[in-house]
PDB file of N, CA and C in Angstrom:
ATOM      1  N   MET A   1     208.867 -31.977 -78.509  1.00  0.00           N
ATOM      2  CA  MET A   1     209.718 -33.137 -78.375  1.00  0.00           C
ATOM      3  C   MET A   1     210.385 -33.403 -79.719  1.00  0.00           C
ATOM      4  N   SER A   2     211.595 -33.806 -79.665  1.00  0.00           N
ATOM      5  CA  SER A   2     212.368 -34.036 -80.880  1.00  0.00           C
ATOM      6  C   SER A   2     211.935 -35.316 -81.583  1.00  0.00           C
ATOM      7  N   VAL A   3     211.903 -35.281 -82.893  1.00  0.00           N
ATOM      8  CA  VAL A   3     211.526 -36.454 -83.677  1.00  0.00           C
ATOM      9  C   VAL A   3     212.618 -37.523 -83.569  1.00  0.00           C
ATOM     10  N   ARG A   4     213.887 -37.105 -83.493  1.00  0.00           N
ATOM     11  CA  ARG A   4     214.982 -38.071 -83.360  1.00  0.00           C
ATOM     12  C   ARG A   4     214.858 -38.867 -82.065  1.00  0.00           C
ATOM     13  N   PHE A   5     214.430 -38.202 -81.016  1.00  0.00           N
ATOM     14  CA  PHE A   5     214.242 -38.891 -79.741  1.00  0.00           C
ATOM     15  C   PHE A   5     213.168 -39.968 -79.859  1.00  0.00           C
ATOM     16  N   LEU A   6     212.066 -39.651 -80.497  1.00  0.00           N
ATOM     17  CA  LEU A   6     210.980 -40.614 -80.640  1.00  0.00           C
ATOM     18  C   LEU A   6     211.384 -41.801 -81.514  1.00  0.00           C
ATOM     19  N   ILE A   7     212.240 -41.577 -82.495  1.00  0.00           N
ATOM     20  CA  ILE A   7     212.703 -42.670 -83.348  1.00  0.00           C
ATOM     21  C   ILE A   7     213.712 -43.539 -82.600  1.00  0.00           C
ATOM     22  N   GLY A   8     214.555 -42.934 -81.798  1.00  0.00           N
ATOM     23  CA  GLY A   8     215.585 -43.677 -81.065  1.00  0.00           C
ATOM     24  C   GLY A   8     215.052 -44.429 -79.868  1.00  0.00           C
ATOM     25  N   LEU A   9     213.913 -44.034 -79.347  1.00  0.00           N
ATOM     26  CA  LEU A   9     213.358 -44.678 -78.163  1.00  0.00           C
ATOM     27  C   LEU A   9     213.052 -46.162 -78.373  1.00  0.00           C
ATOM     28  N   PRO A  10     212.356 -46.575 -79.433  1.00  0.00           N
ATOM     29  CA  PRO A  10     212.113 -48.012 -79.617  1.00  0.00           C
ATOM     30  C   PRO A  10     213.410 -48.809 -79.774  1.00  0.00           C
ATOM     31  N   ALA A  11     214.405 -48.227 -80.430  1.00  0.00           N
ATOM     32  CA  ALA A  11     215.681 -48.927 -80.592  1.00  0.00           C
ATOM     33  C   ALA A  11     216.356 -49.124 -79.242  1.00  0.00           C
ATOM     34  N   ALA A  12     216.285 -48.132 -78.365  1.00  0.00           N
ATOM     35  CA  ALA A  12     216.884 -48.247 -77.036  1.00  0.00           C
ATOM     36  C   ALA A  12     216.159 -49.299 -76.202  1.00  0.00           C
ATOM     37  N   VAL A  13     214.852 -49.338 -76.301  1.00  0.00           N
ATOM     38  CA  VAL A  13     214.081 -50.334 -75.550  1.00  0.00           C
ATOM     39  C   VAL A  13     214.423 -51.742 -76.022  1.00  0.00           C
ATOM     40  N   LEU A  14     214.538 -51.938 -77.329  1.00  0.00           N
ATOM     41  CA  LEU A  14     214.881 -53.254 -77.861  1.00  0.00           C
ATOM     42  C   LEU A  14     216.296 -53.661 -77.486  1.00  0.00           C
ATOM     43  N   ALA A  15     217.202 -52.711 -77.359  1.00  0.00           N
ATOM     44  CA  ALA A  15     218.581 -53.029 -77.003  1.00  0.00           C
ATOM     45  C   ALA A  15     218.700 -53.447 -75.546  1.00  0.00           C
ATOM     46  N   VAL A  16     217.862 -52.902 -74.669  1.00  0.00           N
ATOM     47  CA  VAL A  16     217.944 -53.182 -73.238  1.00  0.00           C
ATOM     48  C   VAL A  16     217.062 -54.367 -72.835  1.00  0.00           C
ATOM     49  N   ALA A  17     216.076 -54.723 -73.618  1.00  0.00           N
ATOM     50  CA  ALA A  17     215.129 -55.785 -73.268  1.00  0.00           C
ATOM     51  C   ALA A  17     215.800 -57.124 -72.967  1.00  0.00           C
ATOM     52  N   PRO A  18     216.807 -57.576 -73.733  1.00  0.00           N
ATOM     53  CA  PRO A  18     217.424 -58.867 -73.391  1.00  0.00           C
ATOM     54  C   PRO A  18     218.088 -58.883 -72.019  1.00  0.00           C
ATOM     55  N   VAL A  19     218.580 -57.743 -71.554  1.00  0.00           N
ATOM     56  CA  VAL A  19     219.210 -57.682 -70.242  1.00  0.00           C
ATOM     57  C   VAL A  19     218.183 -57.982 -69.162  1.00  0.00           C
ATOM     58  N   PHE A  20     216.991 -57.394 -69.276  1.00  0.00           N
ATOM     59  CA  PHE A  20     215.953 -57.640 -68.285  1.00  0.00           C
ATOM     60  C   PHE A  20     215.396 -59.056 -68.396  1.00  0.00           C
ATOM     61  N   ALA A  21     215.368 -59.621 -69.568  1.00  0.00           N
ATOM     62  CA  ALA A  21     214.888 -60.989 -69.741  1.00  0.00           C
ATOM     63  C   ALA A  21     215.826 -61.973 -69.063  1.00  0.00           C
ATOM     64  N   LEU A  22     217.120 -61.752 -69.158  1.00  0.00           N
ATOM     65  CA  LEU A  22     218.087 -62.647 -68.513  1.00  0.00           C
ATOM     66  C   LEU A  22     218.131 -62.441 -67.009  1.00  0.00           C
ATOM     67  N   ALA A  23     217.885 -61.225 -66.551  1.00  0.00           N
ATOM     68  CA  ALA A  23     217.932 -60.940 -65.124  1.00  0.00           C
ATOM     69  C   ALA A  23     216.802 -61.631 -64.377  1.00  0.00           C
ATOM     70  N   GLY A  24     215.673 -61.901 -65.029  1.00  0.00           N
ATOM     71  CA  GLY A  24     214.538 -62.509 -64.368  1.00  0.00           C
ATOM     72  C   GLY A  24     214.531 -64.018 -64.384  1.00  0.00           C
ATOM     73  N   THR A  25     215.500 -64.654 -65.016  1.00  0.00           N
ATOM     74  CA  THR A  25     215.493 -66.107 -65.084  1.00  0.00           C
ATOM     75  C   THR A  25     216.033 -66.700 -63.795  1.00  0.00           C
ATOM     76  N   ALA A  26     215.457 -67.798 -63.374  1.00  0.00           N
ATOM     77  CA  ALA A  26     215.883 -68.481 -62.162  1.00  0.00           C
ATOM     78  C   ALA A  26     216.977 -69.487 -62.493  1.00  0.00           C
ATOM     79  N   PRO A  27     217.851 -69.766 -61.529  1.00  0.00           N
ATOM     80  CA  PRO A  27     218.870 -70.781 -61.787  1.00  0.00           C
ATOM     81  C   PRO A  27     218.237 -72.157 -61.954  1.00  0.00           C
ATOM     82  N   ALA A  28     218.885 -73.021 -62.694  1.00  0.00           N
ATOM     83  CA  ALA A  28     218.329 -74.337 -62.986  1.00  0.00           C
ATOM     84  C   ALA A  28     218.169 -75.177 -61.715  1.00  0.00           C
ATOM     85  N   GLN A  29     218.948 -74.922 -60.697  1.00  0.00           N
ATOM     86  CA  GLN A  29     218.864 -75.702 -59.471  1.00  0.00           C
ATOM     87  C   GLN A  29     217.589 -75.406 -58.692  1.00  0.00           C
ATOM     88  N   ALA A  30     217.016 -74.230 -58.877  1.00  0.00           N
ATOM     89  CA  ALA A  30     215.833 -73.860 -58.119  1.00  0.00           C
ATOM     90  C   ALA A  30     214.570 -74.523 -58.652  1.00  0.00           C
ATOM     91  N   LEU A  31     214.605 -75.027 -59.875  1.00  0.00           N
ATOM     92  CA  LEU A  31     213.432 -75.645 -60.473  1.00  0.00           C
ATOM     93  C   LEU A  31     213.578 -77.160 -60.491  1.00  0.00           C
ATOM     94  N   PRO A  32     212.480 -77.890 -60.403  1.00  0.00           N
ATOM     95  CA  PRO A  32     212.594 -79.334 -60.517  1.00  0.00           C
ATOM     96  C   PRO A  32     213.087 -79.718 -61.905  1.00  0.00           C
ATOM     97  N   SER A  33     213.726 -80.876 -62.006  1.00  0.00           N
ATOM     98  CA  SER A  33     214.313 -81.281 -63.276  1.00  0.00           C
ATOM     99  C   SER A  33     213.249 -81.497 -64.348  1.00  0.00           C
ATOM    100  N   HIS A  34     212.057 -81.929 -63.956  1.00  0.00           N
ATOM    101  CA  HIS A  34     210.966 -82.137 -64.904  1.00  0.00           C
ATOM    102  C   HIS A  34     209.710 -81.492 -64.336  1.00  0.00           C
ATOM    103  N   PRO A  35     209.228 -80.413 -64.940  1.00  0.00           N
ATOM    104  CA  PRO A  35     207.999 -79.804 -64.432  1.00  0.00           C
ATOM    105  C   PRO A  35     206.867 -80.824 -64.402  1.00  0.00           C
ATOM    106  N   GLY A  36     206.112 -80.801 -63.353  1.00  0.00           N
ATOM    107  CA  GLY A  36     205.014 -81.739 -63.204  1.00  0.00           C
ATOM    108  C   GLY A  36     205.347 -82.882 -62.265  1.00  0.00           C
ATOM    109  N   ILE A  37     206.634 -83.071 -61.961  1.00  0.00           N
ATOM    110  CA  ILE A  37     207.038 -84.112 -61.012  1.00  0.00           C
ATOM    111  C   ILE A  37     207.124 -83.482 -59.633  1.00  0.00           C
ATOM    112  N   ALA A  38     206.485 -84.090 -58.659  1.00  0.00           N
ATOM    113  CA  ALA A  38     206.427 -83.544 -57.315  1.00  0.00           C
ATOM    114  C   ALA A  38     207.779 -83.639 -56.625  1.00  0.00           C
ATOM    115  N   VAL A  39     208.158 -82.551 -55.967  1.00  0.00           N
ATOM    116  CA  VAL A  39     209.394 -82.480 -55.195  1.00  0.00           C
ATOM    117  C   VAL A  39     209.021 -82.062 -53.785  1.00  0.00           C
ATOM    118  N   ASN A  40     209.582 -82.720 -52.780  1.00  0.00           N
ATOM    119  CA  ASN A  40     209.325 -82.370 -51.382  1.00  0.00           C
ATOM    120  C   ASN A  40     210.276 -81.274 -50.946  1.00  0.00           C
ATOM    121  N   TYR A  41     209.747 -80.273 -50.230  1.00  0.00           N
ATOM    122  CA  TYR A  41     210.532 -79.152 -49.731  1.00  0.00           C
ATOM    123  C   TYR A  41     210.337 -79.031 -48.230  1.00  0.00           C
ATOM    124  N   SER A  42     211.380 -78.606 -47.550  1.00  0.00           N
ATOM    125  CA  SER A  42     211.320 -78.271 -46.137  1.00  0.00           C
ATOM    126  C   SER A  42     211.437 -76.758 -46.042  1.00  0.00           C
ATOM    127  N   CYS A  43     210.464 -76.109 -45.402  1.00  0.00           N
ATOM    128  CA  CYS A  43     210.413 -74.645 -45.398  1.00  0.00           C
ATOM    129  C   CYS A  43     210.469 -74.092 -43.976  1.00  0.00           C
ATOM    130  N   THR A  44     211.222 -73.007 -43.829  1.00  0.00           N
ATOM    131  CA  THR A  44     211.320 -72.294 -42.564  1.00  0.00           C
ATOM    132  C   THR A  44     210.997 -70.830 -42.813  1.00  0.00           C
ATOM    133  N   ALA A  45     210.614 -70.117 -41.746  1.00  0.00           N
ATOM    134  CA  ALA A  45     210.296 -68.691 -41.870  1.00  0.00           C
ATOM    135  C   ALA A  45     210.287 -68.054 -40.497  1.00  0.00           C
ATOM    136  N   GLN A  46     210.078 -66.736 -40.511  1.00  0.00           N
ATOM    137  CA  GLN A  46     209.957 -65.958 -39.283  1.00  0.00           C
ATOM    138  C   GLN A  46     208.623 -65.225 -39.288  1.00  0.00           C
ATOM    139  N   THR A  47     208.144 -64.911 -38.083  1.00  0.00           N
ATOM    140  CA  THR A  47     206.937 -64.099 -37.974  1.00  0.00           C
ATOM    141  C   THR A  47     207.296 -62.649 -38.266  1.00  0.00           C
ATOM    142  N   TRP A  48     206.289 -61.795 -38.314  1.00  0.00           N
ATOM    143  CA  TRP A  48     206.529 -60.372 -38.533  1.00  0.00           C
ATOM    144  C   TRP A  48     207.324 -59.772 -37.377  1.00  0.00           C
ATOM    145  N   ALA A  49     207.263 -60.398 -36.207  1.00  0.00           N
ATOM    146  CA  ALA A  49     208.019 -59.919 -35.049  1.00  0.00           C
ATOM    147  C   ALA A  49     209.452 -60.452 -35.037  1.00  0.00           C
ATOM    148  N   GLY A  50     209.766 -61.393 -35.939  1.00  0.00           N
ATOM    149  CA  GLY A  50     211.117 -61.937 -36.017  1.00  0.00           C
ATOM    150  C   GLY A  50     211.298 -63.271 -35.311  1.00  0.00           C
ATOM    151  N   ASP A  51     210.230 -63.828 -34.766  1.00  0.00           N
ATOM    152  CA  ASP A  51     210.318 -65.124 -34.094  1.00  0.00           C
ATOM    153  C   ASP A  51     210.296 -66.243 -35.123  1.00  0.00           C
ATOM    154  N   PRO A  52     211.075 -67.320 -34.901  1.00  0.00           N
ATOM    155  CA  PRO A  52     211.064 -68.431 -35.869  1.00  0.00           C
ATOM    156  C   PRO A  52     209.760 -69.224 -35.795  1.00  0.00           C
ATOM    157  N   LEU A  53     209.306 -69.676 -36.945  1.00  0.00           N
ATOM    158  CA  LEU A  53     208.116 -70.522 -37.032  1.00  0.00           C
ATOM    159  C   LEU A  53     208.548 -71.974 -37.162  1.00  0.00           C
ATOM    160  N   PRO A  54     207.684 -72.921 -36.795  1.00  0.00           N
ATOM    161  CA  PRO A  54     208.041 -74.330 -36.951  1.00  0.00           C
ATOM    162  C   PRO A  54     208.231 -74.696 -38.423  1.00  0.00           C
ATOM    163  N   THR A  55     209.133 -75.617 -38.683  1.00  0.00           N
ATOM    164  CA  THR A  55     209.409 -76.077 -40.044  1.00  0.00           C
ATOM    165  C   THR A  55     208.210 -76.854 -40.575  1.00  0.00           C
ATOM    166  N   VAL A  56     207.874 -76.590 -41.843  1.00  0.00           N
ATOM    167  CA  VAL A  56     206.795 -77.327 -42.491  1.00  0.00           C
ATOM    168  C   VAL A  56     207.342 -78.023 -43.731  1.00  0.00           C
ATOM    169  N   SER A  57     206.713 -79.125 -44.111  1.00  0.00           N
ATOM    170  CA  SER A  57     207.075 -79.849 -45.324  1.00  0.00           C
ATOM    171  C   SER A  57     205.945 -79.707 -46.331  1.00  0.00           C
ATOM    172  N   VAL A  58     206.312 -79.361 -47.562  1.00  0.00           N
ATOM    173  CA  VAL A  58     205.328 -79.208 -48.625  1.00  0.00           C
ATOM    174  C   VAL A  58     205.807 -79.955 -49.865  1.00  0.00           C
ATOM    175  N   THR A  59     204.878 -80.251 -50.749  1.00  0.00           N
ATOM    176  CA  THR A  59     205.194 -80.881 -52.028  1.00  0.00           C
ATOM    177  C   THR A  59     204.778 -79.922 -53.127  1.00  0.00           C
ATOM    178  N   ALA A  60     205.712 -79.626 -54.043  1.00  0.00           N
ATOM    179  CA  ALA A  60     205.431 -78.693 -55.127  1.00  0.00           C
ATOM    180  C   ALA A  60     205.915 -79.271 -56.445  1.00  0.00           C
ATOM    181  N   THR A  61     205.190 -78.966 -57.518  1.00  0.00           N
ATOM    182  CA  THR A  61     205.577 -79.448 -58.845  1.00  0.00           C
ATOM    183  C   THR A  61     206.194 -78.346 -59.700  1.00  0.00           C
ATOM    184  N   GLN A  62     206.072 -77.085 -59.271  1.00  0.00           N
ATOM    185  CA  GLN A  62     206.539 -75.969 -60.086  1.00  0.00           C
ATOM    186  C   GLN A  62     207.722 -75.220 -59.485  1.00  0.00           C
ATOM    187  N   GLY A  63     208.384 -75.760 -58.493  1.00  0.00           N
ATOM    188  CA  GLY A  63     209.599 -75.142 -57.986  1.00  0.00           C
ATOM    189  C   GLY A  63     209.456 -74.482 -56.622  1.00  0.00           C
ATOM    190  N   VAL A  64     210.492 -73.743 -56.274  1.00  0.00           N
ATOM    191  CA  VAL A  64     210.607 -73.145 -54.950  1.00  0.00           C
ATOM    192  C   VAL A  64     209.521 -72.104 -54.701  1.00  0.00           C
ATOM    193  N   ARG A  65     209.195 -71.287 -55.698  1.00  0.00           N
ATOM    194  CA  ARG A  65     208.177 -70.248 -55.501  1.00  0.00           C
ATOM    195  C   ARG A  65     206.823 -70.860 -55.132  1.00  0.00           C
ATOM    196  N   GLN A  66     206.478 -71.967 -55.762  1.00  0.00           N
ATOM    197  CA  GLN A  66     205.222 -72.627 -55.426  1.00  0.00           C
ATOM    198  C   GLN A  66     205.297 -73.188 -54.006  1.00  0.00           C
ATOM    199  N   ALA A  67     206.427 -73.753 -53.643  1.00  0.00           N
ATOM    200  CA  ALA A  67     206.599 -74.289 -52.291  1.00  0.00           C
ATOM    201  C   ALA A  67     206.478 -73.176 -51.252  1.00  0.00           C
ATOM    202  N   GLN A  68     207.052 -72.010 -51.532  1.00  0.00           N
ATOM    203  CA  GLN A  68     206.946 -70.883 -50.607  1.00  0.00           C
ATOM    204  C   GLN A  68     205.494 -70.453 -50.441  1.00  0.00           C
ATOM    205  N   GLY A  69     204.751 -70.427 -51.511  1.00  0.00           N
ATOM    206  CA  GLY A  69     203.344 -70.045 -51.435  1.00  0.00           C
ATOM    207  C   GLY A  69     202.524 -71.035 -50.632  1.00  0.00           C
ATOM    208  N   GLN A  70     202.800 -72.321 -50.806  1.00  0.00           N
ATOM    209  CA  GLN A  70     202.081 -73.340 -50.040  1.00  0.00           C
ATOM    210  C   GLN A  70     202.433 -73.260 -48.560  1.00  0.00           C
ATOM    211  N   ALA A  71     203.707 -73.041 -48.272  1.00  0.00           N
ATOM    212  CA  ALA A  71     204.129 -72.931 -46.873  1.00  0.00           C
ATOM    213  C   ALA A  71     203.491 -71.711 -46.218  1.00  0.00           C
ATOM    214  N   LYS A  72     203.390 -70.620 -46.961  1.00  0.00           N
ATOM    215  CA  LYS A  72     202.782 -69.398 -46.430  1.00  0.00           C
ATOM    216  C   LYS A  72     201.353 -69.649 -45.973  1.00  0.00           C
ATOM    217  N   THR A  73     200.600 -70.415 -46.771  1.00  0.00           N
ATOM    218  CA  THR A  73     199.220 -70.703 -46.379  1.00  0.00           C
ATOM    219  C   THR A  73     199.168 -71.639 -45.181  1.00  0.00           C
ATOM    220  N   MET A  74     200.150 -72.500 -45.030  1.00  0.00           N
ATOM    221  CA  MET A  74     200.162 -73.407 -43.878  1.00  0.00           C
ATOM    222  C   MET A  74     200.414 -72.655 -42.566  1.00  0.00           C
ATOM    223  N   TRP A  75     201.137 -71.543 -42.648  1.00  0.00           N
ATOM    224  CA  TRP A  75     201.382 -70.735 -41.456  1.00  0.00           C
ATOM    225  C   TRP A  75     200.266 -69.727 -41.220  1.00  0.00           C
ATOM    226  N   SER A  76     199.228 -69.756 -42.025  1.00  0.00           N
ATOM    227  CA  SER A  76     198.025 -68.925 -41.864  1.00  0.00           C
ATOM    228  C   SER A  76     198.315 -67.435 -41.789  1.00  0.00           C
ATOM    229  N   GLY A  77     199.208 -66.940 -42.625  1.00  0.00           N
ATOM    230  CA  GLY A  77     199.473 -65.507 -42.699  1.00  0.00           C
ATOM    231  C   GLY A  77     200.359 -64.952 -41.603  1.00  0.00           C
ATOM    232  N   THR A  78     200.911 -65.798 -40.740  1.00  0.00           N
ATOM    233  CA  THR A  78     201.780 -65.296 -39.679  1.00  0.00           C
ATOM    234  C   THR A  78     203.225 -65.153 -40.146  1.00  0.00           C
ATOM    235  N   ALA A  79     203.575 -65.743 -41.288  1.00  0.00           N
ATOM    236  CA  ALA A  79     204.944 -65.691 -41.785  1.00  0.00           C
ATOM    237  C   ALA A  79     205.160 -64.471 -42.669  1.00  0.00           C
ATOM    238  N   LYS A  80     206.315 -63.854 -42.503  1.00  0.00           N
ATOM    239  CA  LYS A  80     206.729 -62.763 -43.391  1.00  0.00           C
ATOM    240  C   LYS A  80     207.290 -63.423 -44.640  1.00  0.00           C
ATOM    241  N   PHE A  81     206.674 -63.142 -45.809  1.00  0.00           N
ATOM    242  CA  PHE A  81     206.996 -63.881 -47.031  1.00  0.00           C
ATOM    243  C   PHE A  81     208.475 -63.774 -47.403  1.00  0.00           C
ATOM    244  N   SER A  82     209.103 -62.641 -47.161  1.00  0.00           N
ATOM    245  CA  SER A  82     210.504 -62.472 -47.554  1.00  0.00           C
ATOM    246  C   SER A  82     211.441 -63.342 -46.726  1.00  0.00           C
ATOM    247  N   THR A  83     210.975 -63.904 -45.605  1.00  0.00           N
ATOM    248  CA  THR A  83     211.841 -64.752 -44.784  1.00  0.00           C
ATOM    249  C   THR A  83     211.633 -66.239 -45.052  1.00  0.00           C
ATOM    250  N   ILE A  84     210.692 -66.600 -45.915  1.00  0.00           N
ATOM    251  CA  ILE A  84     210.431 -68.006 -46.188  1.00  0.00           C
ATOM    252  C   ILE A  84     211.536 -68.575 -47.076  1.00  0.00           C
ATOM    253  N   THR A  85     212.174 -69.629 -46.597  1.00  0.00           N
ATOM    254  CA  THR A  85     213.185 -70.322 -47.390  1.00  0.00           C
ATOM    255  C   THR A  85     212.791 -71.797 -47.469  1.00  0.00           C
ATOM    256  N   CYS A  86     212.761 -72.309 -48.679  1.00  0.00           N
ATOM    257  CA  CYS A  86     212.408 -73.712 -48.907  1.00  0.00           C
ATOM    258  C   CYS A  86     213.568 -74.403 -49.603  1.00  0.00           C
ATOM    259  N   THR A  87     213.925 -75.567 -49.112  1.00  0.00           N
ATOM    260  CA  THR A  87     215.002 -76.353 -49.707  1.00  0.00           C
ATOM    261  C   THR A  87     214.484 -77.734 -50.042  1.00  0.00           C
ATOM    262  N   PRO A  88     214.899 -78.294 -51.187  1.00  0.00           N
ATOM    263  CA  PRO A  88     214.466 -79.644 -51.543  1.00  0.00           C
ATOM    264  C   PRO A  88     214.985 -80.654 -50.520  1.00  0.00           C
ATOM    265  N   VAL A  89     214.160 -81.622 -50.233  1.00  0.00           N
ATOM    266  CA  VAL A  89     214.540 -82.655 -49.252  1.00  0.00           C
ATOM    267  C   VAL A  89     214.980 -83.892 -50.007  1.00  0.00           C
TER     268      VAL A  89
END
């Protein structure tokens, strides 16, 4: 293996790292304005067969991802996680 390649590799990783850091950030609208303050969400989903599940209401302090996780447990594993959508009420 070339020594130049090994020297250039850390520089390439450092140059690309900010792109991945920005790609993983959530929009400000998806998070509550003040972490720790409870926000009510209305969540819908589908079963693995594609049938709609009844709407559930959850309260989350850490944003939409937490609300989706709480709703998933309320449906007792019948909901396909990728179909869960929660909107602030």
